[in-house]
Amino acid sequence: MITMDDIIREGNPILRQIAKDVVLPASDEEKEQLKAMLEFLKNSQDEEIAKKYHLRAGIGLAAPQIAISKRMIALFLDDDNGKHFEYMLFNPKIVSHSIENTYLEGGEGCLSVDREVPGFVPRHARVKVKAFDIDGKPVTLRLKGYPAIAIQHEIDHLNGILFYDHINKDDPFKIPDHVVQEEEL
């Protein structure tokens, strides 16, 4: 079981590396790692389990965050309409995105960052992602709003980018250009 002790924190050079593609078909070990990443997210959102094991709640996890420099991510979240999103993906890649941007009013956080970093993080409002599922089957996802923000955050981890790299250094709360409001998505 993955715990907060397994999550590496900012400053660790692995978080700034570009992760390697997973050679498909994935090994049993890689599949088990990906399943454990999703299990961590589920556990972190379960109040009882999270309290017992001192887990911080997370909606996404990338393999570099557990010191595995491979292109693997897990997501476990609900959008603003209550629709559930649960993914375990190998080699995810954004293949297209909207011109419109969005951001979270409260900013973003990260399991690998133990401090608040104030500021708006501009993200594409909509993304199309191609990846492979746990069984090695190709999948295409079209996401918007909160799930789109979450997957961009995790794919950034695979490219050595942390969320605060996107914050405007001179004006952290500057509204990003070409912003579309959630209702318009």
N, C-alpha and C. Protein backbone atom coordinates (compact mmCIF):
# COMPACT_ATOMS: atom_id res chain seq x y z
N MET A 1 0.84 -1.19 0.00
CA MET A 1 0.00 0.00 0.00
C MET A 1 0.88 1.25 0.00
N ILE A 2 0.56 2.18 -0.89
CA ILE A 2 1.30 3.44 -0.96
C ILE A 2 0.80 4.35 0.16
N THR A 3 1.74 4.97 0.87
CA THR A 3 1.39 5.96 1.90
C THR A 3 2.12 7.26 1.59
N MET A 4 1.90 8.28 2.40
CA MET A 4 2.56 9.57 2.18
C MET A 4 4.08 9.43 2.26
N ASP A 5 4.57 8.43 2.98
CA ASP A 5 6.02 8.20 3.06
C ASP A 5 6.61 7.82 1.70
N ASP A 6 5.78 7.30 0.81
CA ASP A 6 6.24 6.89 -0.52
C ASP A 6 6.22 8.03 -1.53
N ILE A 7 5.52 9.11 -1.20
CA ILE A 7 5.40 10.25 -2.11
C ILE A 7 6.64 11.12 -1.97
N ILE A 8 7.36 11.30 -3.08
CA ILE A 8 8.55 12.15 -3.01
C ILE A 8 8.13 13.61 -3.11
N ARG A 9 8.93 14.48 -2.50
CA ARG A 9 8.57 15.89 -2.39
C ARG A 9 9.43 16.75 -3.29
N GLU A 10 8.93 17.98 -3.52
CA GLU A 10 9.66 18.92 -4.36
C GLU A 10 11.09 19.03 -3.85
N GLY A 11 12.00 19.20 -4.79
CA GLY A 11 13.43 19.21 -4.45
C GLY A 11 14.08 17.91 -4.89
N ASN A 12 13.29 16.82 -4.94
CA ASN A 12 13.82 15.54 -5.42
C ASN A 12 13.97 15.64 -6.94
N PRO A 13 15.18 15.36 -7.47
CA PRO A 13 15.42 15.53 -8.91
C PRO A 13 14.52 14.69 -9.82
N ILE A 14 13.96 13.59 -9.33
CA ILE A 14 13.08 12.75 -10.16
C ILE A 14 11.87 13.57 -10.64
N LEU A 15 11.40 14.50 -9.80
CA LEU A 15 10.23 15.30 -10.18
C LEU A 15 10.51 16.25 -11.33
N ARG A 16 11.78 16.46 -11.66
CA ARG A 16 12.14 17.37 -12.76
C ARG A 16 12.63 16.62 -13.99
N GLN A 17 12.59 15.29 -13.93
CA GLN A 17 13.02 14.49 -15.09
C GLN A 17 11.85 14.25 -16.04
N ILE A 18 12.16 14.02 -17.30
CA ILE A 18 11.14 13.58 -18.25
C ILE A 18 11.07 12.06 -18.12
N ALA A 19 9.88 11.58 -17.76
CA ALA A 19 9.70 10.15 -17.53
C ALA A 19 9.79 9.37 -18.84
N LYS A 20 10.22 8.14 -18.72
CA LYS A 20 10.36 7.26 -19.89
C LYS A 20 9.02 6.60 -20.23
N ASP A 21 8.82 6.35 -21.53
CA ASP A 21 7.63 5.61 -21.96
C ASP A 21 7.65 4.21 -21.35
N VAL A 22 6.47 3.69 -21.07
CA VAL A 22 6.34 2.31 -20.63
C VAL A 22 6.33 1.46 -21.90
N VAL A 23 7.20 0.46 -21.95
CA VAL A 23 7.23 -0.45 -23.09
C VAL A 23 6.02 -1.38 -22.96
N LEU A 24 5.20 -1.38 -23.99
CA LEU A 24 3.99 -2.19 -23.96
C LEU A 24 4.20 -3.52 -24.70
N PRO A 25 3.64 -4.62 -24.25
CA PRO A 25 2.75 -4.68 -23.10
C PRO A 25 3.51 -4.41 -21.80
N ALA A 26 2.81 -3.76 -20.87
CA ALA A 26 3.40 -3.43 -19.57
C ALA A 26 3.68 -4.71 -18.80
N SER A 27 4.70 -4.65 -17.97
CA SER A 27 5.04 -5.81 -17.13
C SER A 27 4.01 -5.94 -16.01
N ASP A 28 3.97 -7.11 -15.40
CA ASP A 28 3.07 -7.32 -14.25
C ASP A 28 3.41 -6.33 -13.14
N GLU A 29 4.70 -6.07 -12.95
CA GLU A 29 5.13 -5.13 -11.91
C GLU A 29 4.60 -3.73 -12.19
N GLU A 30 4.67 -3.29 -13.44
CA GLU A 30 4.15 -1.96 -13.80
C GLU A 30 2.64 -1.88 -13.61
N LYS A 31 1.94 -2.94 -13.96
CA LYS A 31 0.48 -2.97 -13.75
C LYS A 31 0.16 -2.88 -12.26
N GLU A 32 0.91 -3.62 -11.46
CA GLU A 32 0.68 -3.60 -10.00
C GLU A 32 0.97 -2.20 -9.43
N GLN A 33 2.03 -1.56 -9.94
CA GLN A 33 2.34 -0.19 -9.48
C GLN A 33 1.20 0.76 -9.81
N LEU A 34 0.66 0.63 -11.02
CA LEU A 34 -0.43 1.50 -11.45
C LEU A 34 -1.69 1.24 -10.61
N LYS A 35 -1.98 -0.02 -10.34
CA LYS A 35 -3.13 -0.35 -9.48
C LYS A 35 -2.94 0.22 -8.07
N ALA A 36 -1.72 0.15 -7.56
CA ALA A 36 -1.43 0.69 -6.23
C ALA A 36 -1.59 2.21 -6.21
N MET A 37 -1.26 2.88 -7.32
CA MET A 37 -1.43 4.33 -7.40
C MET A 37 -2.92 4.70 -7.32
N LEU A 38 -3.76 3.95 -8.04
CA LEU A 38 -5.20 4.21 -7.98
C LEU A 38 -5.73 3.90 -6.58
N GLU A 39 -5.26 2.81 -5.99
CA GLU A 39 -5.69 2.44 -4.64
C GLU A 39 -5.34 3.55 -3.65
N PHE A 40 -4.16 4.16 -3.80
CA PHE A 40 -3.78 5.27 -2.92
C PHE A 40 -4.81 6.39 -3.02
N LEU A 41 -5.19 6.75 -4.26
CA LEU A 41 -6.14 7.84 -4.45
C LEU A 41 -7.48 7.52 -3.79
N LYS A 42 -7.95 6.30 -3.96
CA LYS A 42 -9.21 5.89 -3.33
C LYS A 42 -9.09 5.96 -1.81
N ASN A 43 -7.99 5.42 -1.28
CA ASN A 43 -7.77 5.44 0.17
C ASN A 43 -7.67 6.87 0.69
N SER A 44 -7.01 7.74 -0.07
CA SER A 44 -6.79 9.11 0.38
C SER A 44 -8.10 9.89 0.45
N GLN A 45 -9.12 9.44 -0.29
CA GLN A 45 -10.41 10.11 -0.28
C GLN A 45 -11.41 9.44 0.68
N ASP A 46 -10.99 8.34 1.29
CA ASP A 46 -11.81 7.65 2.28
C ASP A 46 -11.42 8.19 3.65
N GLU A 47 -12.35 8.92 4.28
CA GLU A 47 -12.04 9.62 5.53
C GLU A 47 -11.39 8.72 6.58
N GLU A 48 -11.96 7.53 6.78
CA GLU A 48 -11.47 6.62 7.81
C GLU A 48 -10.05 6.13 7.51
N ILE A 49 -9.85 5.65 6.28
CA ILE A 49 -8.53 5.13 5.88
C ILE A 49 -7.50 6.26 5.88
N ALA A 50 -7.88 7.41 5.35
CA ALA A 50 -6.96 8.55 5.28
C ALA A 50 -6.50 8.96 6.67
N LYS A 51 -7.42 8.98 7.62
CA LYS A 51 -7.07 9.36 8.98
C LYS A 51 -6.14 8.32 9.62
N LYS A 52 -6.47 7.05 9.43
CA LYS A 52 -5.69 5.96 10.02
C LYS A 52 -4.24 5.97 9.52
N TYR A 53 -4.05 6.23 8.20
CA TYR A 53 -2.72 6.16 7.61
C TYR A 53 -2.10 7.54 7.32
N HIS A 54 -2.77 8.60 7.81
CA HIS A 54 -2.26 9.98 7.63
C HIS A 54 -2.03 10.32 6.16
N LEU A 55 -3.05 10.06 5.34
CA LEU A 55 -2.96 10.32 3.91
C LEU A 55 -3.57 11.69 3.59
N ARG A 56 -2.90 12.44 2.73
CA ARG A 56 -3.48 13.67 2.19
C ARG A 56 -4.35 13.30 1.00
N ALA A 57 -5.51 13.91 0.91
CA ALA A 57 -6.42 13.58 -0.19
C ALA A 57 -5.82 14.00 -1.52
N GLY A 58 -5.94 13.12 -2.50
CA GLY A 58 -5.45 13.41 -3.85
C GLY A 58 -6.45 12.91 -4.88
N ILE A 59 -6.44 13.56 -6.05
CA ILE A 59 -7.32 13.13 -7.14
C ILE A 59 -6.52 12.54 -8.29
N GLY A 60 -5.21 12.75 -8.26
CA GLY A 60 -4.34 12.24 -9.32
C GLY A 60 -2.97 11.92 -8.77
N LEU A 61 -2.30 10.98 -9.42
CA LEU A 61 -0.95 10.60 -9.01
C LEU A 61 -0.18 10.15 -10.25
N ALA A 62 1.03 10.65 -10.37
CA ALA A 62 1.90 10.26 -11.47
C ALA A 62 3.05 9.43 -10.90
N ALA A 63 3.51 8.44 -11.67
CA ALA A 63 4.57 7.54 -11.20
C ALA A 63 5.82 8.28 -10.69
N PRO A 64 6.26 9.38 -11.33
CA PRO A 64 7.43 10.07 -10.77
C PRO A 64 7.25 10.51 -9.31
N GLN A 65 6.01 10.70 -8.88
CA GLN A 65 5.76 11.10 -7.50
C GLN A 65 6.03 9.98 -6.50
N ILE A 66 6.13 8.74 -7.01
CA ILE A 66 6.52 7.63 -6.13
C ILE A 66 7.88 7.09 -6.57
N ALA A 67 8.68 8.00 -7.13
CA ALA A 67 10.08 7.72 -7.51
C ALA A 67 10.21 6.69 -8.63
N ILE A 68 9.20 6.62 -9.50
CA ILE A 68 9.26 5.74 -10.67
C ILE A 68 9.18 6.64 -11.89
N SER A 69 10.28 6.80 -12.59
CA SER A 69 10.32 7.73 -13.72
C SER A 69 9.80 7.07 -15.00
N LYS A 70 8.51 6.73 -14.95
CA LYS A 70 7.83 6.12 -16.10
C LYS A 70 6.52 6.85 -16.34
N ARG A 71 6.04 6.80 -17.58
CA ARG A 71 4.85 7.53 -17.97
C ARG A 71 3.59 6.74 -17.60
N MET A 72 3.23 6.86 -16.32
CA MET A 72 2.05 6.18 -15.77
C MET A 72 1.34 7.17 -14.86
N ILE A 73 0.00 7.28 -15.03
CA ILE A 73 -0.78 8.14 -14.14
C ILE A 73 -2.07 7.45 -13.73
N ALA A 74 -2.59 7.87 -12.59
CA ALA A 74 -3.90 7.42 -12.12
C ALA A 74 -4.71 8.65 -11.75
N LEU A 75 -6.01 8.61 -12.05
CA LEU A 75 -6.92 9.69 -11.69
C LEU A 75 -8.16 9.09 -11.05
N PHE A 76 -8.68 9.78 -10.03
CA PHE A 76 -9.88 9.33 -9.32
C PHE A 76 -10.59 10.56 -8.80
N LEU A 77 -11.62 11.01 -9.54
CA LEU A 77 -12.30 12.25 -9.16
C LEU A 77 -13.70 12.31 -9.73
N ASP A 78 -14.46 13.26 -9.21
CA ASP A 78 -15.79 13.58 -9.73
C ASP A 78 -15.73 15.00 -10.29
N ASP A 79 -16.45 15.24 -11.39
CA ASP A 79 -16.50 16.60 -11.92
C ASP A 79 -17.57 17.39 -11.17
N ASP A 80 -17.79 18.63 -11.58
CA ASP A 80 -18.75 19.50 -10.89
C ASP A 80 -20.18 19.00 -10.99
N ASN A 81 -20.46 18.12 -11.95
CA ASN A 81 -21.80 17.57 -12.11
C ASN A 81 -21.96 16.21 -11.42
N GLY A 82 -20.89 15.77 -10.72
CA GLY A 82 -20.96 14.49 -10.02
C GLY A 82 -20.60 13.30 -10.88
N LYS A 83 -20.19 13.54 -12.13
CA LYS A 83 -19.77 12.42 -12.99
C LYS A 83 -18.41 11.91 -12.50
N HIS A 84 -18.28 10.60 -12.39
CA HIS A 84 -17.06 9.99 -11.84
C HIS A 84 -16.05 9.68 -12.96
N PHE A 85 -14.80 9.97 -12.68
CA PHE A 85 -13.70 9.68 -13.60
C PHE A 85 -12.66 8.84 -12.86
N GLU A 86 -12.34 7.69 -13.43
CA GLU A 86 -11.36 6.79 -12.81
C GLU A 86 -10.51 6.19 -13.92
N TYR A 87 -9.22 6.53 -13.90
CA TYR A 87 -8.34 6.07 -14.98
C TYR A 87 -7.01 5.57 -14.42
N MET A 88 -6.49 4.54 -15.06
CA MET A 88 -5.11 4.08 -14.89
C MET A 88 -4.53 4.07 -16.30
N LEU A 89 -3.56 4.94 -16.55
CA LEU A 89 -3.10 5.12 -17.93
C LEU A 89 -1.59 4.96 -18.07
N PHE A 90 -1.21 4.32 -19.16
CA PHE A 90 0.19 4.24 -19.58
C PHE A 90 0.38 5.20 -20.75
N ASN A 91 1.50 5.89 -20.75
CA ASN A 91 1.94 6.75 -21.87
C ASN A 91 0.88 7.75 -22.34
N PRO A 92 0.24 8.48 -21.40
CA PRO A 92 -0.77 9.46 -21.82
C PRO A 92 -0.11 10.64 -22.55
N LYS A 93 -0.80 11.13 -23.57
CA LYS A 93 -0.27 12.24 -24.37
C LYS A 93 -1.44 13.12 -24.79
N ILE A 94 -1.29 14.43 -24.58
CA ILE A 94 -2.29 15.37 -25.06
C ILE A 94 -2.08 15.52 -26.56
N VAL A 95 -3.10 15.18 -27.34
CA VAL A 95 -2.97 15.25 -28.80
C VAL A 95 -3.65 16.48 -29.39
N SER A 96 -4.59 17.07 -28.64
CA SER A 96 -5.17 18.34 -29.06
C SER A 96 -5.79 19.00 -27.84
N HIS A 97 -5.98 20.32 -27.95
CA HIS A 97 -6.55 21.07 -26.83
C HIS A 97 -7.24 22.32 -27.34
N SER A 98 -8.09 22.88 -26.49
CA SER A 98 -8.83 24.09 -26.83
C SER A 98 -7.90 25.30 -26.77
N ILE A 99 -8.30 26.34 -27.48
CA ILE A 99 -7.61 27.63 -27.37
C ILE A 99 -8.01 28.26 -26.04
N GLU A 100 -9.26 28.02 -25.63
CA GLU A 100 -9.75 28.58 -24.37
C GLU A 100 -9.00 27.95 -23.19
N ASN A 101 -8.77 28.78 -22.19
CA ASN A 101 -8.13 28.33 -20.97
C ASN A 101 -9.11 28.34 -19.82
N THR A 102 -8.71 27.73 -18.74
CA THR A 102 -9.47 27.74 -17.50
C THR A 102 -8.47 27.67 -16.36
N TYR A 103 -8.96 27.76 -15.14
CA TYR A 103 -8.11 27.66 -13.96
C TYR A 103 -9.01 27.39 -12.76
N LEU A 104 -8.42 26.91 -11.69
CA LEU A 104 -9.18 26.69 -10.45
C LEU A 104 -9.08 27.96 -9.61
N GLU A 105 -10.24 28.48 -9.19
CA GLU A 105 -10.28 29.71 -8.39
C GLU A 105 -9.37 29.62 -7.16
N GLY A 106 -9.33 28.45 -6.53
CA GLY A 106 -8.53 28.28 -5.32
C GLY A 106 -7.10 27.86 -5.59
N GLY A 107 -6.69 27.88 -6.85
CA GLY A 107 -5.35 27.42 -7.20
C GLY A 107 -5.27 25.90 -7.18
N GLU A 108 -4.08 25.39 -7.42
CA GLU A 108 -3.87 23.94 -7.42
C GLU A 108 -2.96 23.55 -6.26
N GLY A 109 -3.04 22.30 -5.90
CA GLY A 109 -2.16 21.73 -4.88
C GLY A 109 -1.55 20.47 -5.45
N CYS A 110 -0.64 19.87 -4.70
CA CYS A 110 0.06 18.68 -5.19
C CYS A 110 0.53 17.87 -4.00
N LEU A 111 0.41 16.56 -4.09
CA LEU A 111 0.87 15.68 -3.02
C LEU A 111 2.37 15.79 -2.80
N SER A 112 3.11 16.23 -3.82
CA SER A 112 4.56 16.36 -3.71
C SER A 112 5.00 17.75 -3.23
N VAL A 113 4.03 18.63 -3.00
CA VAL A 113 4.34 20.00 -2.56
C VAL A 113 3.65 20.22 -1.21
N ASP A 114 4.46 20.33 -0.16
CA ASP A 114 3.93 20.44 1.20
C ASP A 114 3.68 21.88 1.64
N ARG A 115 3.43 22.75 0.69
CA ARG A 115 3.17 24.15 1.05
C ARG A 115 2.13 24.70 0.10
N GLU A 116 1.48 25.77 0.54
CA GLU A 116 0.52 26.45 -0.33
C GLU A 116 1.31 27.31 -1.30
N VAL A 117 0.94 27.25 -2.56
CA VAL A 117 1.55 28.13 -3.56
C VAL A 117 0.40 28.92 -4.17
N PRO A 118 0.24 30.18 -3.72
CA PRO A 118 -0.89 30.97 -4.21
C PRO A 118 -0.72 31.39 -5.67
N GLY A 119 -1.83 31.42 -6.38
CA GLY A 119 -1.81 31.89 -7.75
C GLY A 119 -2.66 31.02 -8.65
N PHE A 120 -3.05 31.59 -9.79
CA PHE A 120 -3.84 30.87 -10.77
C PHE A 120 -2.93 30.08 -11.70
N VAL A 121 -3.33 28.85 -11.99
CA VAL A 121 -2.59 27.97 -12.89
C VAL A 121 -3.39 27.84 -14.18
N PRO A 122 -2.96 28.53 -15.25
CA PRO A 122 -3.72 28.42 -16.50
C PRO A 122 -3.61 27.02 -17.10
N ARG A 123 -4.76 26.49 -17.51
CA ARG A 123 -4.83 25.17 -18.15
C ARG A 123 -5.75 25.28 -19.36
N HIS A 124 -5.60 24.33 -20.28
CA HIS A 124 -6.53 24.26 -21.41
C HIS A 124 -7.90 23.84 -20.87
N ALA A 125 -8.95 24.47 -21.35
CA ALA A 125 -10.31 24.17 -20.88
C ALA A 125 -10.75 22.76 -21.32
N ARG A 126 -10.28 22.33 -22.51
CA ARG A 126 -10.62 21.01 -23.02
C ARG A 126 -9.36 20.36 -23.60
N VAL A 127 -9.24 19.06 -23.38
CA VAL A 127 -8.10 18.33 -23.95
C VAL A 127 -8.57 16.99 -24.50
N LYS A 128 -7.84 16.53 -25.51
CA LYS A 128 -8.02 15.18 -26.03
C LYS A 128 -6.71 14.45 -25.73
N VAL A 129 -6.83 13.33 -25.05
CA VAL A 129 -5.66 12.57 -24.60
C VAL A 129 -5.72 11.17 -25.17
N LYS A 130 -4.60 10.71 -25.70
CA LYS A 130 -4.48 9.31 -26.13
C LYS A 130 -3.53 8.63 -25.15
N ALA A 131 -3.87 7.39 -24.81
CA ALA A 131 -3.08 6.62 -23.84
C ALA A 131 -3.41 5.14 -24.03
N PHE A 132 -2.90 4.34 -23.10
CA PHE A 132 -3.18 2.91 -23.08
C PHE A 132 -3.68 2.56 -21.69
N ASP A 133 -4.73 1.72 -21.62
CA ASP A 133 -5.26 1.33 -20.32
C ASP A 133 -4.40 0.22 -19.70
N ILE A 134 -4.82 -0.26 -18.56
CA ILE A 134 -4.04 -1.25 -17.81
C ILE A 134 -3.83 -2.54 -18.61
N ASP A 135 -4.74 -2.81 -19.55
CA ASP A 135 -4.63 -4.01 -20.38
C ASP A 135 -3.89 -3.76 -21.69
N GLY A 136 -3.37 -2.53 -21.85
CA GLY A 136 -2.62 -2.20 -23.06
C GLY A 136 -3.49 -1.80 -24.24
N LYS A 137 -4.80 -1.63 -24.00
CA LYS A 137 -5.69 -1.21 -25.09
C LYS A 137 -5.62 0.30 -25.25
N PRO A 138 -5.60 0.79 -26.51
CA PRO A 138 -5.57 2.25 -26.72
C PRO A 138 -6.89 2.89 -26.27
N VAL A 139 -6.77 4.04 -25.63
CA VAL A 139 -7.95 4.80 -25.22
C VAL A 139 -7.78 6.25 -25.66
N THR A 140 -8.89 6.87 -25.99
CA THR A 140 -8.91 8.30 -26.31
C THR A 140 -9.90 8.95 -25.36
N LEU A 141 -9.44 9.96 -24.63
CA LEU A 141 -10.29 10.67 -23.67
C LEU A 141 -10.49 12.09 -24.15
N ARG A 142 -11.72 12.56 -24.06
CA ARG A 142 -12.02 13.97 -24.31
C ARG A 142 -12.54 14.52 -22.99
N LEU A 143 -11.75 15.38 -22.38
CA LEU A 143 -12.08 15.89 -21.05
C LEU A 143 -12.22 17.40 -21.07
N LYS A 144 -13.06 17.92 -20.17
CA LYS A 144 -13.21 19.36 -20.04
C LYS A 144 -13.31 19.71 -18.56
N GLY A 145 -13.06 20.97 -18.26
CA GLY A 145 -13.20 21.44 -16.88
C GLY A 145 -12.24 20.76 -15.92
N TYR A 146 -12.77 20.40 -14.75
CA TYR A 146 -11.96 19.84 -13.66
C TYR A 146 -11.17 18.59 -14.07
N PRO A 147 -11.79 17.59 -14.72
CA PRO A 147 -11.00 16.43 -15.15
C PRO A 147 -9.88 16.79 -16.13
N ALA A 148 -10.14 17.78 -17.01
CA ALA A 148 -9.09 18.23 -17.95
C ALA A 148 -7.93 18.87 -17.20
N ILE A 149 -8.26 19.66 -16.18
CA ILE A 149 -7.22 20.29 -15.36
C ILE A 149 -6.39 19.20 -14.67
N ALA A 150 -7.08 18.22 -14.09
CA ALA A 150 -6.39 17.15 -13.35
C ALA A 150 -5.45 16.36 -14.25
N ILE A 151 -5.90 15.99 -15.44
CA ILE A 151 -5.04 15.18 -16.31
C ILE A 151 -3.85 15.99 -16.81
N GLN A 152 -4.04 17.29 -17.04
CA GLN A 152 -2.91 18.13 -17.46
C GLN A 152 -1.88 18.23 -16.34
N HIS A 153 -2.34 18.34 -15.09
CA HIS A 153 -1.45 18.39 -13.93
C HIS A 153 -0.60 17.12 -13.87
N GLU A 154 -1.24 15.96 -14.06
CA GLU A 154 -0.50 14.69 -13.97
C GLU A 154 0.44 14.49 -15.16
N ILE A 155 0.01 14.84 -16.35
CA ILE A 155 0.90 14.72 -17.52
C ILE A 155 2.09 15.66 -17.37
N ASP A 156 1.88 16.83 -16.77
CA ASP A 156 3.00 17.73 -16.48
C ASP A 156 4.07 17.01 -15.65
N HIS A 157 3.62 16.23 -14.64
CA HIS A 157 4.58 15.49 -13.81
C HIS A 157 5.47 14.58 -14.66
N LEU A 158 4.91 14.02 -15.72
CA LEU A 158 5.68 13.12 -16.58
C LEU A 158 6.73 13.87 -17.39
N ASN A 159 6.55 15.18 -17.48
CA ASN A 159 7.47 16.03 -18.23
C ASN A 159 8.34 16.91 -17.33
N GLY A 160 8.38 16.58 -16.04
CA GLY A 160 9.24 17.31 -15.12
C GLY A 160 8.73 18.71 -14.77
N ILE A 161 7.43 18.92 -14.92
CA ILE A 161 6.84 20.24 -14.66
C ILE A 161 5.94 20.15 -13.43
N LEU A 162 6.07 21.14 -12.53
CA LEU A 162 5.20 21.23 -11.37
C LEU A 162 4.20 22.36 -11.60
N PHE A 163 3.03 22.26 -10.96
CA PHE A 163 1.94 23.19 -11.24
C PHE A 163 2.35 24.65 -11.10
N TYR A 164 3.19 24.95 -10.12
CA TYR A 164 3.53 26.35 -9.89
C TYR A 164 4.46 26.93 -10.95
N ASP A 165 5.00 26.08 -11.82
CA ASP A 165 5.80 26.58 -12.95
C ASP A 165 4.92 27.40 -13.91
N HIS A 166 3.59 27.16 -13.88
CA HIS A 166 2.66 27.86 -14.77
C HIS A 166 2.17 29.19 -14.20
N ILE A 167 2.37 29.42 -12.90
CA ILE A 167 1.84 30.63 -12.27
C ILE A 167 2.65 31.85 -12.73
N ASN A 168 1.95 32.91 -13.07
CA ASN A 168 2.59 34.16 -13.49
C ASN A 168 3.42 34.70 -12.32
N LYS A 169 4.73 34.75 -12.48
CA LYS A 169 5.63 35.16 -11.39
C LYS A 169 5.40 36.61 -10.97
N ASP A 170 5.10 37.49 -11.95
CA ASP A 170 4.93 38.92 -11.65
C ASP A 170 3.55 39.23 -11.08
N ASP A 171 2.56 38.45 -11.47
CA ASP A 171 1.18 38.70 -11.04
C ASP A 171 0.47 37.36 -10.88
N PRO A 172 0.68 36.68 -9.72
CA PRO A 172 0.15 35.32 -9.53
C PRO A 172 -1.37 35.19 -9.72
N PHE A 173 -2.12 36.27 -9.49
CA PHE A 173 -3.57 36.18 -9.60
C PHE A 173 -4.10 36.85 -10.85
N LYS A 174 -3.22 37.02 -11.84
CA LYS A 174 -3.65 37.55 -13.13
C LYS A 174 -4.50 36.48 -13.80
N ILE A 175 -5.68 36.90 -14.25
CA ILE A 175 -6.57 35.96 -14.95
C ILE A 175 -5.88 35.57 -16.26
N PRO A 176 -5.73 34.27 -16.54
CA PRO A 176 -5.08 33.84 -17.79
C PRO A 176 -5.84 34.35 -19.02
N ASP A 177 -5.15 34.47 -20.12
CA ASP A 177 -5.77 34.88 -21.38
C ASP A 177 -6.73 33.80 -21.88
N HIS A 178 -7.72 34.23 -22.67
CA HIS A 178 -8.67 33.32 -23.34
C HIS A 178 -9.41 32.40 -22.36
N VAL A 179 -9.79 32.95 -21.21
CA VAL A 179 -10.47 32.12 -20.21
C VAL A 179 -11.93 31.93 -20.56
N VAL A 180 -12.37 30.70 -20.42
CA VAL A 180 -13.79 30.36 -20.58
C VAL A 180 -14.28 29.94 -19.19
N GLN A 181 -15.45 30.40 -18.81
CA GLN A 181 -15.99 30.03 -17.51
C GLN A 181 -16.54 28.61 -17.55
N GLU A 182 -16.56 27.96 -16.40
CA GLU A 182 -17.00 26.56 -16.31
C GLU A 182 -18.37 26.36 -16.98
N GLU A 183 -19.31 27.32 -16.78
CA GLU A 183 -20.66 27.14 -17.32
C GLU A 183 -20.65 27.04 -18.85
N GLU A 184 -19.63 27.64 -19.47
CA GLU A 184 -19.57 27.67 -20.93
C GLU A 184 -18.98 26.38 -21.52
N LEU A 185 -18.39 25.54 -20.68
CA LEU A 185 -17.71 24.35 -21.19
C LEU A 185 -18.66 23.30 -21.71
